[in-house]
Amino acid sequence: LVAVSYLSVIAWPCYAFVLINAAQ
């Protein structure tokens, strides 16, 4: 449960950033 909590808060913003700016 701790691993899921920590990884999601680190991973999701980074993946969202790439999704928004993929072409650039």
PDBML (XML) file of the C-alpha atoms, coordinates in Angstrom:
<?xml version="1.0" encoding="UTF-8" ?>
<PDBx:datablock datablockName="MODEL"
   xmlns:PDBx="http://pdbml.pdb.org/schema/pdbx-v50.xsd"
   xmlns:xsi="http://www.w3.org/2001/XMLSchema-instance"
   xsi:schemaLocation="http://pdbml.pdb.org/schema/pdbx-v50.xsd pdbx-v50.xsd">
   <PDBx:atom_siteCategory>
      <PDBx:atom_site id="1">
         <PDBx:B_iso_or_equiv>0.00</PDBx:B_iso_or_equiv>
         <PDBx:Cartn_x>0.000</PDBx:Cartn_x>
         <PDBx:Cartn_y>0.000</PDBx:Cartn_y>
         <PDBx:Cartn_z>0.000</PDBx:Cartn_z>
         <PDBx:auth_asym_id>A</PDBx:auth_asym_id>
         <PDBx:auth_atom_id>CA</PDBx:auth_atom_id>
         <PDBx:auth_comp_id>LEU</PDBx:auth_comp_id>
         <PDBx:auth_seq_id>1</PDBx:auth_seq_id>
         <PDBx:group_PDB>ATOM</PDBx:group_PDB>
         <PDBx:label_alt_id xsi:nil="true" />
         <PDBx:label_asym_id>A</PDBx:label_asym_id>
         <PDBx:label_atom_id>CA</PDBx:label_atom_id>
         <PDBx:label_comp_id>LEU</PDBx:label_comp_id>
         <PDBx:label_entity_id>1</PDBx:label_entity_id>
         <PDBx:label_seq_id>1</PDBx:label_seq_id>
         <PDBx:occupancy>1.00</PDBx:occupancy>
         <PDBx:pdbx_PDB_model_num>1</PDBx:pdbx_PDB_model_num>
         <PDBx:type_symbol>C</PDBx:type_symbol>
      </PDBx:atom_site>
      <PDBx:atom_site id="2">
         <PDBx:B_iso_or_equiv>0.00</PDBx:B_iso_or_equiv>
         <PDBx:Cartn_x>2.844</PDBx:Cartn_x>
         <PDBx:Cartn_y>2.397</PDBx:Cartn_y>
         <PDBx:Cartn_z>0.793</PDBx:Cartn_z>
         <PDBx:auth_asym_id>A</PDBx:auth_asym_id>
         <PDBx:auth_atom_id>CA</PDBx:auth_atom_id>
         <PDBx:auth_comp_id>VAL</PDBx:auth_comp_id>
         <PDBx:auth_seq_id>2</PDBx:auth_seq_id>
         <PDBx:group_PDB>ATOM</PDBx:group_PDB>
         <PDBx:label_alt_id xsi:nil="true" />
         <PDBx:label_asym_id>A</PDBx:label_asym_id>
         <PDBx:label_atom_id>CA</PDBx:label_atom_id>
         <PDBx:label_comp_id>VAL</PDBx:label_comp_id>
         <PDBx:label_entity_id>1</PDBx:label_entity_id>
         <PDBx:label_seq_id>2</PDBx:label_seq_id>
         <PDBx:occupancy>1.00</PDBx:occupancy>
         <PDBx:pdbx_PDB_model_num>1</PDBx:pdbx_PDB_model_num>
         <PDBx:type_symbol>C</PDBx:type_symbol>
      </PDBx:atom_site>
      <PDBx:atom_site id="3">
         <PDBx:B_iso_or_equiv>0.00</PDBx:B_iso_or_equiv>
         <PDBx:Cartn_x>4.543</PDBx:Cartn_x>
         <PDBx:Cartn_y>1.531</PDBx:Cartn_y>
         <PDBx:Cartn_z>-2.505</PDBx:Cartn_z>
         <PDBx:auth_asym_id>A</PDBx:auth_asym_id>
         <PDBx:auth_atom_id>CA</PDBx:auth_atom_id>
         <PDBx:auth_comp_id>ALA</PDBx:auth_comp_id>
         <PDBx:auth_seq_id>3</PDBx:auth_seq_id>
         <PDBx:group_PDB>ATOM</PDBx:group_PDB>
         <PDBx:label_alt_id xsi:nil="true" />
         <PDBx:label_asym_id>A</PDBx:label_asym_id>
         <PDBx:label_atom_id>CA</PDBx:label_atom_id>
         <PDBx:label_comp_id>ALA</PDBx:label_comp_id>
         <PDBx:label_entity_id>1</PDBx:label_entity_id>
         <PDBx:label_seq_id>3</PDBx:label_seq_id>
         <PDBx:occupancy>1.00</PDBx:occupancy>
         <PDBx:pdbx_PDB_model_num>1</PDBx:pdbx_PDB_model_num>
         <PDBx:type_symbol>C</PDBx:type_symbol>
      </PDBx:atom_site>
      <PDBx:atom_site id="4">
         <PDBx:B_iso_or_equiv>0.00</PDBx:B_iso_or_equiv>
         <PDBx:Cartn_x>1.356</PDBx:Cartn_x>
         <PDBx:Cartn_y>2.274</PDBx:Cartn_y>
         <PDBx:Cartn_z>-4.471</PDBx:Cartn_z>
         <PDBx:auth_asym_id>A</PDBx:auth_asym_id>
         <PDBx:auth_atom_id>CA</PDBx:auth_atom_id>
         <PDBx:auth_comp_id>VAL</PDBx:auth_comp_id>
         <PDBx:auth_seq_id>4</PDBx:auth_seq_id>
         <PDBx:group_PDB>ATOM</PDBx:group_PDB>
         <PDBx:label_alt_id xsi:nil="true" />
         <PDBx:label_asym_id>A</PDBx:label_asym_id>
         <PDBx:label_atom_id>CA</PDBx:label_atom_id>
         <PDBx:label_comp_id>VAL</PDBx:label_comp_id>
         <PDBx:label_entity_id>1</PDBx:label_entity_id>
         <PDBx:label_seq_id>4</PDBx:label_seq_id>
         <PDBx:occupancy>1.00</PDBx:occupancy>
         <PDBx:pdbx_PDB_model_num>1</PDBx:pdbx_PDB_model_num>
         <PDBx:type_symbol>C</PDBx:type_symbol>
      </PDBx:atom_site>
      <PDBx:atom_site id="5">
         <PDBx:B_iso_or_equiv>0.00</PDBx:B_iso_or_equiv>
         <PDBx:Cartn_x>0.910</PDBx:Cartn_x>
         <PDBx:Cartn_y>5.594</PDBx:Cartn_y>
         <PDBx:Cartn_z>-2.679</PDBx:Cartn_z>
         <PDBx:auth_asym_id>A</PDBx:auth_asym_id>
         <PDBx:auth_atom_id>CA</PDBx:auth_atom_id>
         <PDBx:auth_comp_id>SER</PDBx:auth_comp_id>
         <PDBx:auth_seq_id>5</PDBx:auth_seq_id>
         <PDBx:group_PDB>ATOM</PDBx:group_PDB>
         <PDBx:label_alt_id xsi:nil="true" />
         <PDBx:label_asym_id>A</PDBx:label_asym_id>
         <PDBx:label_atom_id>CA</PDBx:label_atom_id>
         <PDBx:label_comp_id>SER</PDBx:label_comp_id>
         <PDBx:label_entity_id>1</PDBx:label_entity_id>
         <PDBx:label_seq_id>5</PDBx:label_seq_id>
         <PDBx:occupancy>1.00</PDBx:occupancy>
         <PDBx:pdbx_PDB_model_num>1</PDBx:pdbx_PDB_model_num>
         <PDBx:type_symbol>C</PDBx:type_symbol>
      </PDBx:atom_site>
      <PDBx:atom_site id="6">
         <PDBx:B_iso_or_equiv>0.00</PDBx:B_iso_or_equiv>
         <PDBx:Cartn_x>4.485</PDBx:Cartn_x>
         <PDBx:Cartn_y>6.760</PDBx:Cartn_y>
         <PDBx:Cartn_z>-3.187</PDBx:Cartn_z>
         <PDBx:auth_asym_id>A</PDBx:auth_asym_id>
         <PDBx:auth_atom_id>CA</PDBx:auth_atom_id>
         <PDBx:auth_comp_id>TYR</PDBx:auth_comp_id>
         <PDBx:auth_seq_id>6</PDBx:auth_seq_id>
         <PDBx:group_PDB>ATOM</PDBx:group_PDB>
         <PDBx:label_alt_id xsi:nil="true" />
         <PDBx:label_asym_id>A</PDBx:label_asym_id>
         <PDBx:label_atom_id>CA</PDBx:label_atom_id>
         <PDBx:label_comp_id>TYR</PDBx:label_comp_id>
         <PDBx:label_entity_id>1</PDBx:label_entity_id>
         <PDBx:label_seq_id>6</PDBx:label_seq_id>
         <PDBx:occupancy>1.00</PDBx:occupancy>
         <PDBx:pdbx_PDB_model_num>1</PDBx:pdbx_PDB_model_num>
         <PDBx:type_symbol>C</PDBx:type_symbol>
      </PDBx:atom_site>
      <PDBx:atom_site id="7">
         <PDBx:B_iso_or_equiv>0.00</PDBx:B_iso_or_equiv>
         <PDBx:Cartn_x>4.868</PDBx:Cartn_x>
         <PDBx:Cartn_y>5.581</PDBx:Cartn_y>
         <PDBx:Cartn_z>-6.767</PDBx:Cartn_z>
         <PDBx:auth_asym_id>A</PDBx:auth_asym_id>
         <PDBx:auth_atom_id>CA</PDBx:auth_atom_id>
         <PDBx:auth_comp_id>LEU</PDBx:auth_comp_id>
         <PDBx:auth_seq_id>7</PDBx:auth_seq_id>
         <PDBx:group_PDB>ATOM</PDBx:group_PDB>
         <PDBx:label_alt_id xsi:nil="true" />
         <PDBx:label_asym_id>A</PDBx:label_asym_id>
         <PDBx:label_atom_id>CA</PDBx:label_atom_id>
         <PDBx:label_comp_id>LEU</PDBx:label_comp_id>
         <PDBx:label_entity_id>1</PDBx:label_entity_id>
         <PDBx:label_seq_id>7</PDBx:label_seq_id>
         <PDBx:occupancy>1.00</PDBx:occupancy>
         <PDBx:pdbx_PDB_model_num>1</PDBx:pdbx_PDB_model_num>
         <PDBx:type_symbol>C</PDBx:type_symbol>
      </PDBx:atom_site>
      <PDBx:atom_site id="8">
         <PDBx:B_iso_or_equiv>0.00</PDBx:B_iso_or_equiv>
         <PDBx:Cartn_x>1.602</PDBx:Cartn_x>
         <PDBx:Cartn_y>7.091</PDBx:Cartn_y>
         <PDBx:Cartn_z>-7.937</PDBx:Cartn_z>
         <PDBx:auth_asym_id>A</PDBx:auth_asym_id>
         <PDBx:auth_atom_id>CA</PDBx:auth_atom_id>
         <PDBx:auth_comp_id>SER</PDBx:auth_comp_id>
         <PDBx:auth_seq_id>8</PDBx:auth_seq_id>
         <PDBx:group_PDB>ATOM</PDBx:group_PDB>
         <PDBx:label_alt_id xsi:nil="true" />
         <PDBx:label_asym_id>A</PDBx:label_asym_id>
         <PDBx:label_atom_id>CA</PDBx:label_atom_id>
         <PDBx:label_comp_id>SER</PDBx:label_comp_id>
         <PDBx:label_entity_id>1</PDBx:label_entity_id>
         <PDBx:label_seq_id>8</PDBx:label_seq_id>
         <PDBx:occupancy>1.00</PDBx:occupancy>
         <PDBx:pdbx_PDB_model_num>1</PDBx:pdbx_PDB_model_num>
         <PDBx:type_symbol>C</PDBx:type_symbol>
      </PDBx:atom_site>
      <PDBx:atom_site id="9">
         <PDBx:B_iso_or_equiv>0.00</PDBx:B_iso_or_equiv>
         <PDBx:Cartn_x>2.456</PDBx:Cartn_x>
         <PDBx:Cartn_y>10.539</PDBx:Cartn_y>
         <PDBx:Cartn_z>-6.592</PDBx:Cartn_z>
         <PDBx:auth_asym_id>A</PDBx:auth_asym_id>
         <PDBx:auth_atom_id>CA</PDBx:auth_atom_id>
         <PDBx:auth_comp_id>VAL</PDBx:auth_comp_id>
         <PDBx:auth_seq_id>9</PDBx:auth_seq_id>
         <PDBx:group_PDB>ATOM</PDBx:group_PDB>
         <PDBx:label_alt_id xsi:nil="true" />
         <PDBx:label_asym_id>A</PDBx:label_asym_id>
         <PDBx:label_atom_id>CA</PDBx:label_atom_id>
         <PDBx:label_comp_id>VAL</PDBx:label_comp_id>
         <PDBx:label_entity_id>1</PDBx:label_entity_id>
         <PDBx:label_seq_id>9</PDBx:label_seq_id>
         <PDBx:occupancy>1.00</PDBx:occupancy>
         <PDBx:pdbx_PDB_model_num>1</PDBx:pdbx_PDB_model_num>
         <PDBx:type_symbol>C</PDBx:type_symbol>
      </PDBx:atom_site>
      <PDBx:atom_site id="10">
         <PDBx:B_iso_or_equiv>0.00</PDBx:B_iso_or_equiv>
         <PDBx:Cartn_x>5.846</PDBx:Cartn_x>
         <PDBx:Cartn_y>10.411</PDBx:Cartn_y>
         <PDBx:Cartn_z>-8.331</PDBx:Cartn_z>
         <PDBx:auth_asym_id>A</PDBx:auth_asym_id>
         <PDBx:auth_atom_id>CA</PDBx:auth_atom_id>
         <PDBx:auth_comp_id>ILE</PDBx:auth_comp_id>
         <PDBx:auth_seq_id>10</PDBx:auth_seq_id>
         <PDBx:group_PDB>ATOM</PDBx:group_PDB>
         <PDBx:label_alt_id xsi:nil="true" />
         <PDBx:label_asym_id>A</PDBx:label_asym_id>
         <PDBx:label_atom_id>CA</PDBx:label_atom_id>
         <PDBx:label_comp_id>ILE</PDBx:label_comp_id>
         <PDBx:label_entity_id>1</PDBx:label_entity_id>
         <PDBx:label_seq_id>10</PDBx:label_seq_id>
         <PDBx:occupancy>1.00</PDBx:occupancy>
         <PDBx:pdbx_PDB_model_num>1</PDBx:pdbx_PDB_model_num>
         <PDBx:type_symbol>C</PDBx:type_symbol>
      </PDBx:atom_site>
      <PDBx:atom_site id="11">
         <PDBx:B_iso_or_equiv>0.00</PDBx:B_iso_or_equiv>
         <PDBx:Cartn_x>4.871</PDBx:Cartn_x>
         <PDBx:Cartn_y>8.717</PDBx:Cartn_y>
         <PDBx:Cartn_z>-11.590</PDBx:Cartn_z>
         <PDBx:auth_asym_id>A</PDBx:auth_asym_id>
         <PDBx:auth_atom_id>CA</PDBx:auth_atom_id>
         <PDBx:auth_comp_id>ALA</PDBx:auth_comp_id>
         <PDBx:auth_seq_id>11</PDBx:auth_seq_id>
         <PDBx:group_PDB>ATOM</PDBx:group_PDB>
         <PDBx:label_alt_id xsi:nil="true" />
         <PDBx:label_asym_id>A</PDBx:label_asym_id>
         <PDBx:label_atom_id>CA</PDBx:label_atom_id>
         <PDBx:label_comp_id>ALA</PDBx:label_comp_id>
         <PDBx:label_entity_id>1</PDBx:label_entity_id>
         <PDBx:label_seq_id>11</PDBx:label_seq_id>
         <PDBx:occupancy>1.00</PDBx:occupancy>
         <PDBx:pdbx_PDB_model_num>1</PDBx:pdbx_PDB_model_num>
         <PDBx:type_symbol>C</PDBx:type_symbol>
      </PDBx:atom_site>
      <PDBx:atom_site id="12">
         <PDBx:B_iso_or_equiv>0.00</PDBx:B_iso_or_equiv>
         <PDBx:Cartn_x>1.552</PDBx:Cartn_x>
         <PDBx:Cartn_y>10.319</PDBx:Cartn_y>
         <PDBx:Cartn_z>-12.490</PDBx:Cartn_z>
         <PDBx:auth_asym_id>A</PDBx:auth_asym_id>
         <PDBx:auth_atom_id>CA</PDBx:auth_atom_id>
         <PDBx:auth_comp_id>TRP</PDBx:auth_comp_id>
         <PDBx:auth_seq_id>12</PDBx:auth_seq_id>
         <PDBx:group_PDB>ATOM</PDBx:group_PDB>
         <PDBx:label_alt_id xsi:nil="true" />
         <PDBx:label_asym_id>A</PDBx:label_asym_id>
         <PDBx:label_atom_id>CA</PDBx:label_atom_id>
         <PDBx:label_comp_id>TRP</PDBx:label_comp_id>
         <PDBx:label_entity_id>1</PDBx:label_entity_id>
         <PDBx:label_seq_id>12</PDBx:label_seq_id>
         <PDBx:occupancy>1.00</PDBx:occupancy>
         <PDBx:pdbx_PDB_model_num>1</PDBx:pdbx_PDB_model_num>
         <PDBx:type_symbol>C</PDBx:type_symbol>
      </PDBx:atom_site>
      <PDBx:atom_site id="13">
         <PDBx:B_iso_or_equiv>0.00</PDBx:B_iso_or_equiv>
         <PDBx:Cartn_x>2.733</PDBx:Cartn_x>
         <PDBx:Cartn_y>13.947</PDBx:Cartn_y>
         <PDBx:Cartn_z>-12.781</PDBx:Cartn_z>
         <PDBx:auth_asym_id>A</PDBx:auth_asym_id>
         <PDBx:auth_atom_id>CA</PDBx:auth_atom_id>
         <PDBx:auth_comp_id>PRO</PDBx:auth_comp_id>
         <PDBx:auth_seq_id>13</PDBx:auth_seq_id>
         <PDBx:group_PDB>ATOM</PDBx:group_PDB>
         <PDBx:label_alt_id xsi:nil="true" />
         <PDBx:label_asym_id>A</PDBx:label_asym_id>
         <PDBx:label_atom_id>CA</PDBx:label_atom_id>
         <PDBx:label_comp_id>PRO</PDBx:label_comp_id>
         <PDBx:label_entity_id>1</PDBx:label_entity_id>
         <PDBx:label_seq_id>13</PDBx:label_seq_id>
         <PDBx:occupancy>1.00</PDBx:occupancy>
         <PDBx:pdbx_PDB_model_num>1</PDBx:pdbx_PDB_model_num>
         <PDBx:type_symbol>C</PDBx:type_symbol>
      </PDBx:atom_site>
      <PDBx:atom_site id="14">
         <PDBx:B_iso_or_equiv>0.00</PDBx:B_iso_or_equiv>
         <PDBx:Cartn_x>5.646</PDBx:Cartn_x>
         <PDBx:Cartn_y>12.855</PDBx:Cartn_y>
         <PDBx:Cartn_z>-14.987</PDBx:Cartn_z>
         <PDBx:auth_asym_id>A</PDBx:auth_asym_id>
         <PDBx:auth_atom_id>CA</PDBx:auth_atom_id>
         <PDBx:auth_comp_id>CYS</PDBx:auth_comp_id>
         <PDBx:auth_seq_id>14</PDBx:auth_seq_id>
         <PDBx:group_PDB>ATOM</PDBx:group_PDB>
         <PDBx:label_alt_id xsi:nil="true" />
         <PDBx:label_asym_id>A</PDBx:label_asym_id>
         <PDBx:label_atom_id>CA</PDBx:label_atom_id>
         <PDBx:label_comp_id>CYS</PDBx:label_comp_id>
         <PDBx:label_entity_id>1</PDBx:label_entity_id>
         <PDBx:label_seq_id>14</PDBx:label_seq_id>
         <PDBx:occupancy>1.00</PDBx:occupancy>
         <PDBx:pdbx_PDB_model_num>1</PDBx:pdbx_PDB_model_num>
         <PDBx:type_symbol>C</PDBx:type_symbol>
      </PDBx:atom_site>
      <PDBx:atom_site id="15">
         <PDBx:B_iso_or_equiv>0.00</PDBx:B_iso_or_equiv>
         <PDBx:Cartn_x>3.487</PDBx:Cartn_x>
         <PDBx:Cartn_y>10.770</PDBx:Cartn_y>
         <PDBx:Cartn_z>-17.298</PDBx:Cartn_z>
         <PDBx:auth_asym_id>A</PDBx:auth_asym_id>
         <PDBx:auth_atom_id>CA</PDBx:auth_atom_id>
         <PDBx:auth_comp_id>TYR</PDBx:auth_comp_id>
         <PDBx:auth_seq_id>15</PDBx:auth_seq_id>
         <PDBx:group_PDB>ATOM</PDBx:group_PDB>
         <PDBx:label_alt_id xsi:nil="true" />
         <PDBx:label_asym_id>A</PDBx:label_asym_id>
         <PDBx:label_atom_id>CA</PDBx:label_atom_id>
         <PDBx:label_comp_id>TYR</PDBx:label_comp_id>
         <PDBx:label_entity_id>1</PDBx:label_entity_id>
         <PDBx:label_seq_id>15</PDBx:label_seq_id>
         <PDBx:occupancy>1.00</PDBx:occupancy>
         <PDBx:pdbx_PDB_model_num>1</PDBx:pdbx_PDB_model_num>
         <PDBx:type_symbol>C</PDBx:type_symbol>
      </PDBx:atom_site>
      <PDBx:atom_site id="16">
         <PDBx:B_iso_or_equiv>0.00</PDBx:B_iso_or_equiv>
         <PDBx:Cartn_x>0.913</PDBx:Cartn_x>
         <PDBx:Cartn_y>13.580</PDBx:Cartn_y>
         <PDBx:Cartn_z>-17.469</PDBx:Cartn_z>
         <PDBx:auth_asym_id>A</PDBx:auth_asym_id>
         <PDBx:auth_atom_id>CA</PDBx:auth_atom_id>
         <PDBx:auth_comp_id>ALA</PDBx:auth_comp_id>
         <PDBx:auth_seq_id>16</PDBx:auth_seq_id>
         <PDBx:group_PDB>ATOM</PDBx:group_PDB>
         <PDBx:label_alt_id xsi:nil="true" />
         <PDBx:label_asym_id>A</PDBx:label_asym_id>
         <PDBx:label_atom_id>CA</PDBx:label_atom_id>
         <PDBx:label_comp_id>ALA</PDBx:label_comp_id>
         <PDBx:label_entity_id>1</PDBx:label_entity_id>
         <PDBx:label_seq_id>16</PDBx:label_seq_id>
         <PDBx:occupancy>1.00</PDBx:occupancy>
         <PDBx:pdbx_PDB_model_num>1</PDBx:pdbx_PDB_model_num>
         <PDBx:type_symbol>C</PDBx:type_symbol>
      </PDBx:atom_site>
      <PDBx:atom_site id="17">
         <PDBx:B_iso_or_equiv>0.00</PDBx:B_iso_or_equiv>
         <PDBx:Cartn_x>3.671</PDBx:Cartn_x>
         <PDBx:Cartn_y>16.035</PDBx:Cartn_y>
         <PDBx:Cartn_z>-18.401</PDBx:Cartn_z>
         <PDBx:auth_asym_id>A</PDBx:auth_asym_id>
         <PDBx:auth_atom_id>CA</PDBx:auth_atom_id>
         <PDBx:auth_comp_id>PHE</PDBx:auth_comp_id>
         <PDBx:auth_seq_id>17</PDBx:auth_seq_id>
         <PDBx:group_PDB>ATOM</PDBx:group_PDB>
         <PDBx:label_alt_id xsi:nil="true" />
         <PDBx:label_asym_id>A</PDBx:label_asym_id>
         <PDBx:label_atom_id>CA</PDBx:label_atom_id>
         <PDBx:label_comp_id>PHE</PDBx:label_comp_id>
         <PDBx:label_entity_id>1</PDBx:label_entity_id>
         <PDBx:label_seq_id>17</PDBx:label_seq_id>
         <PDBx:occupancy>1.00</PDBx:occupancy>
         <PDBx:pdbx_PDB_model_num>1</PDBx:pdbx_PDB_model_num>
         <PDBx:type_symbol>C</PDBx:type_symbol>
      </PDBx:atom_site>
      <PDBx:atom_site id="18">
         <PDBx:B_iso_or_equiv>0.00</PDBx:B_iso_or_equiv>
         <PDBx:Cartn_x>4.813</PDBx:Cartn_x>
         <PDBx:Cartn_y>13.813</PDBx:Cartn_y>
         <PDBx:Cartn_z>-21.264</PDBx:Cartn_z>
         <PDBx:auth_asym_id>A</PDBx:auth_asym_id>
         <PDBx:auth_atom_id>CA</PDBx:auth_atom_id>
         <PDBx:auth_comp_id>VAL</PDBx:auth_comp_id>
         <PDBx:auth_seq_id>18</PDBx:auth_seq_id>
         <PDBx:group_PDB>ATOM</PDBx:group_PDB>
         <PDBx:label_alt_id xsi:nil="true" />
         <PDBx:label_asym_id>A</PDBx:label_asym_id>
         <PDBx:label_atom_id>CA</PDBx:label_atom_id>
         <PDBx:label_comp_id>VAL</PDBx:label_comp_id>
         <PDBx:label_entity_id>1</PDBx:label_entity_id>
         <PDBx:label_seq_id>18</PDBx:label_seq_id>
         <PDBx:occupancy>1.00</PDBx:occupancy>
         <PDBx:pdbx_PDB_model_num>1</PDBx:pdbx_PDB_model_num>
         <PDBx:type_symbol>C</PDBx:type_symbol>
      </PDBx:atom_site>
      <PDBx:atom_site id="19">
         <PDBx:B_iso_or_equiv>0.00</PDBx:B_iso_or_equiv>
         <PDBx:Cartn_x>1.236</PDBx:Cartn_x>
         <PDBx:Cartn_y>13.290</PDBx:Cartn_y>
         <PDBx:Cartn_z>-22.448</PDBx:Cartn_z>
         <PDBx:auth_asym_id>A</PDBx:auth_asym_id>
         <PDBx:auth_atom_id>CA</PDBx:auth_atom_id>
         <PDBx:auth_comp_id>LEU</PDBx:auth_comp_id>
         <PDBx:auth_seq_id>19</PDBx:auth_seq_id>
         <PDBx:group_PDB>ATOM</PDBx:group_PDB>
         <PDBx:label_alt_id xsi:nil="true" />
         <PDBx:label_asym_id>A</PDBx:label_asym_id>
         <PDBx:label_atom_id>CA</PDBx:label_atom_id>
         <PDBx:label_comp_id>LEU</PDBx:label_comp_id>
         <PDBx:label_entity_id>1</PDBx:label_entity_id>
         <PDBx:label_seq_id>19</PDBx:label_seq_id>
         <PDBx:occupancy>1.00</PDBx:occupancy>
         <PDBx:pdbx_PDB_model_num>1</PDBx:pdbx_PDB_model_num>
         <PDBx:type_symbol>C</PDBx:type_symbol>
      </PDBx:atom_site>
      <PDBx:atom_site id="20">
         <PDBx:B_iso_or_equiv>0.00</PDBx:B_iso_or_equiv>
         <PDBx:Cartn_x>0.667</PDBx:Cartn_x>
         <PDBx:Cartn_y>17.044</PDBx:Cartn_y>
         <PDBx:Cartn_z>-22.620</PDBx:Cartn_z>
         <PDBx:auth_asym_id>A</PDBx:auth_asym_id>
         <PDBx:auth_atom_id>CA</PDBx:auth_atom_id>
         <PDBx:auth_comp_id>ILE</PDBx:auth_comp_id>
         <PDBx:auth_seq_id>20</PDBx:auth_seq_id>
         <PDBx:group_PDB>ATOM</PDBx:group_PDB>
         <PDBx:label_alt_id xsi:nil="true" />
         <PDBx:label_asym_id>A</PDBx:label_asym_id>
         <PDBx:label_atom_id>CA</PDBx:label_atom_id>
         <PDBx:label_comp_id>ILE</PDBx:label_comp_id>
         <PDBx:label_entity_id>1</PDBx:label_entity_id>
         <PDBx:label_seq_id>20</PDBx:label_seq_id>
         <PDBx:occupancy>1.00</PDBx:occupancy>
         <PDBx:pdbx_PDB_model_num>1</PDBx:pdbx_PDB_model_num>
         <PDBx:type_symbol>C</PDBx:type_symbol>
      </PDBx:atom_site>
      <PDBx:atom_site id="21">
         <PDBx:B_iso_or_equiv>0.00</PDBx:B_iso_or_equiv>
         <PDBx:Cartn_x>3.971</PDBx:Cartn_x>
         <PDBx:Cartn_y>17.854</PDBx:Cartn_y>
         <PDBx:Cartn_z>-24.327</PDBx:Cartn_z>
         <PDBx:auth_asym_id>A</PDBx:auth_asym_id>
         <PDBx:auth_atom_id>CA</PDBx:auth_atom_id>
         <PDBx:auth_comp_id>ASN</PDBx:auth_comp_id>
         <PDBx:auth_seq_id>21</PDBx:auth_seq_id>
         <PDBx:group_PDB>ATOM</PDBx:group_PDB>
         <PDBx:label_alt_id xsi:nil="true" />
         <PDBx:label_asym_id>A</PDBx:label_asym_id>
         <PDBx:label_atom_id>CA</PDBx:label_atom_id>
         <PDBx:label_comp_id>ASN</PDBx:label_comp_id>
         <PDBx:label_entity_id>1</PDBx:label_entity_id>
         <PDBx:label_seq_id>21</PDBx:label_seq_id>
         <PDBx:occupancy>1.00</PDBx:occupancy>
         <PDBx:pdbx_PDB_model_num>1</PDBx:pdbx_PDB_model_num>
         <PDBx:type_symbol>C</PDBx:type_symbol>
      </PDBx:atom_site>
      <PDBx:atom_site id="22">
         <PDBx:B_iso_or_equiv>0.00</PDBx:B_iso_or_equiv>
         <PDBx:Cartn_x>4.693</PDBx:Cartn_x>
         <PDBx:Cartn_y>14.734</PDBx:Cartn_y>
         <PDBx:Cartn_z>-26.410</PDBx:Cartn_z>
         <PDBx:auth_asym_id>A</PDBx:auth_asym_id>
         <PDBx:auth_atom_id>CA</PDBx:auth_atom_id>
         <PDBx:auth_comp_id>ALA</PDBx:auth_comp_id>
         <PDBx:auth_seq_id>22</PDBx:auth_seq_id>
         <PDBx:group_PDB>ATOM</PDBx:group_PDB>
         <PDBx:label_alt_id xsi:nil="true" />
         <PDBx:label_asym_id>A</PDBx:label_asym_id>
         <PDBx:label_atom_id>CA</PDBx:label_atom_id>
         <PDBx:label_comp_id>ALA</PDBx:label_comp_id>
         <PDBx:label_entity_id>1</PDBx:label_entity_id>
         <PDBx:label_seq_id>22</PDBx:label_seq_id>
         <PDBx:occupancy>1.00</PDBx:occupancy>
         <PDBx:pdbx_PDB_model_num>1</PDBx:pdbx_PDB_model_num>
         <PDBx:type_symbol>C</PDBx:type_symbol>
      </PDBx:atom_site>
      <PDBx:atom_site id="23">
         <PDBx:B_iso_or_equiv>0.00</PDBx:B_iso_or_equiv>
         <PDBx:Cartn_x>5.098</PDBx:Cartn_x>
         <PDBx:Cartn_y>16.455</PDBx:Cartn_y>
         <PDBx:Cartn_z>-29.786</PDBx:Cartn_z>
         <PDBx:auth_asym_id>A</PDBx:auth_asym_id>
         <PDBx:auth_atom_id>CA</PDBx:auth_atom_id>
         <PDBx:auth_comp_id>ALA</PDBx:auth_comp_id>
         <PDBx:auth_seq_id>23</PDBx:auth_seq_id>
         <PDBx:group_PDB>ATOM</PDBx:group_PDB>
         <PDBx:label_alt_id xsi:nil="true" />
         <PDBx:label_asym_id>A</PDBx:label_asym_id>
         <PDBx:label_atom_id>CA</PDBx:label_atom_id>
         <PDBx:label_comp_id>ALA</PDBx:label_comp_id>
         <PDBx:label_entity_id>1</PDBx:label_entity_id>
         <PDBx:label_seq_id>23</PDBx:label_seq_id>
         <PDBx:occupancy>1.00</PDBx:occupancy>
         <PDBx:pdbx_PDB_model_num>1</PDBx:pdbx_PDB_model_num>
         <PDBx:type_symbol>C</PDBx:type_symbol>
      </PDBx:atom_site>
      <PDBx:atom_site id="24">
         <PDBx:B_iso_or_equiv>0.00</PDBx:B_iso_or_equiv>
         <PDBx:Cartn_x>7.370</PDBx:Cartn_x>
         <PDBx:Cartn_y>19.204</PDBx:Cartn_y>
         <PDBx:Cartn_z>-28.444</PDBx:Cartn_z>
         <PDBx:auth_asym_id>A</PDBx:auth_asym_id>
         <PDBx:auth_atom_id>CA</PDBx:auth_atom_id>
         <PDBx:auth_comp_id>GLN</PDBx:auth_comp_id>
         <PDBx:auth_seq_id>24</PDBx:auth_seq_id>
         <PDBx:group_PDB>ATOM</PDBx:group_PDB>
         <PDBx:label_alt_id xsi:nil="true" />
         <PDBx:label_asym_id>A</PDBx:label_asym_id>
         <PDBx:label_atom_id>CA</PDBx:label_atom_id>
         <PDBx:label_comp_id>GLN</PDBx:label_comp_id>
         <PDBx:label_entity_id>1</PDBx:label_entity_id>
         <PDBx:label_seq_id>24</PDBx:label_seq_id>
         <PDBx:occupancy>1.00</PDBx:occupancy>
         <PDBx:pdbx_PDB_model_num>1</PDBx:pdbx_PDB_model_num>
         <PDBx:type_symbol>C</PDBx:type_symbol>
      </PDBx:atom_site>
   </PDBx:atom_siteCategory>
</PDBx:datablock>
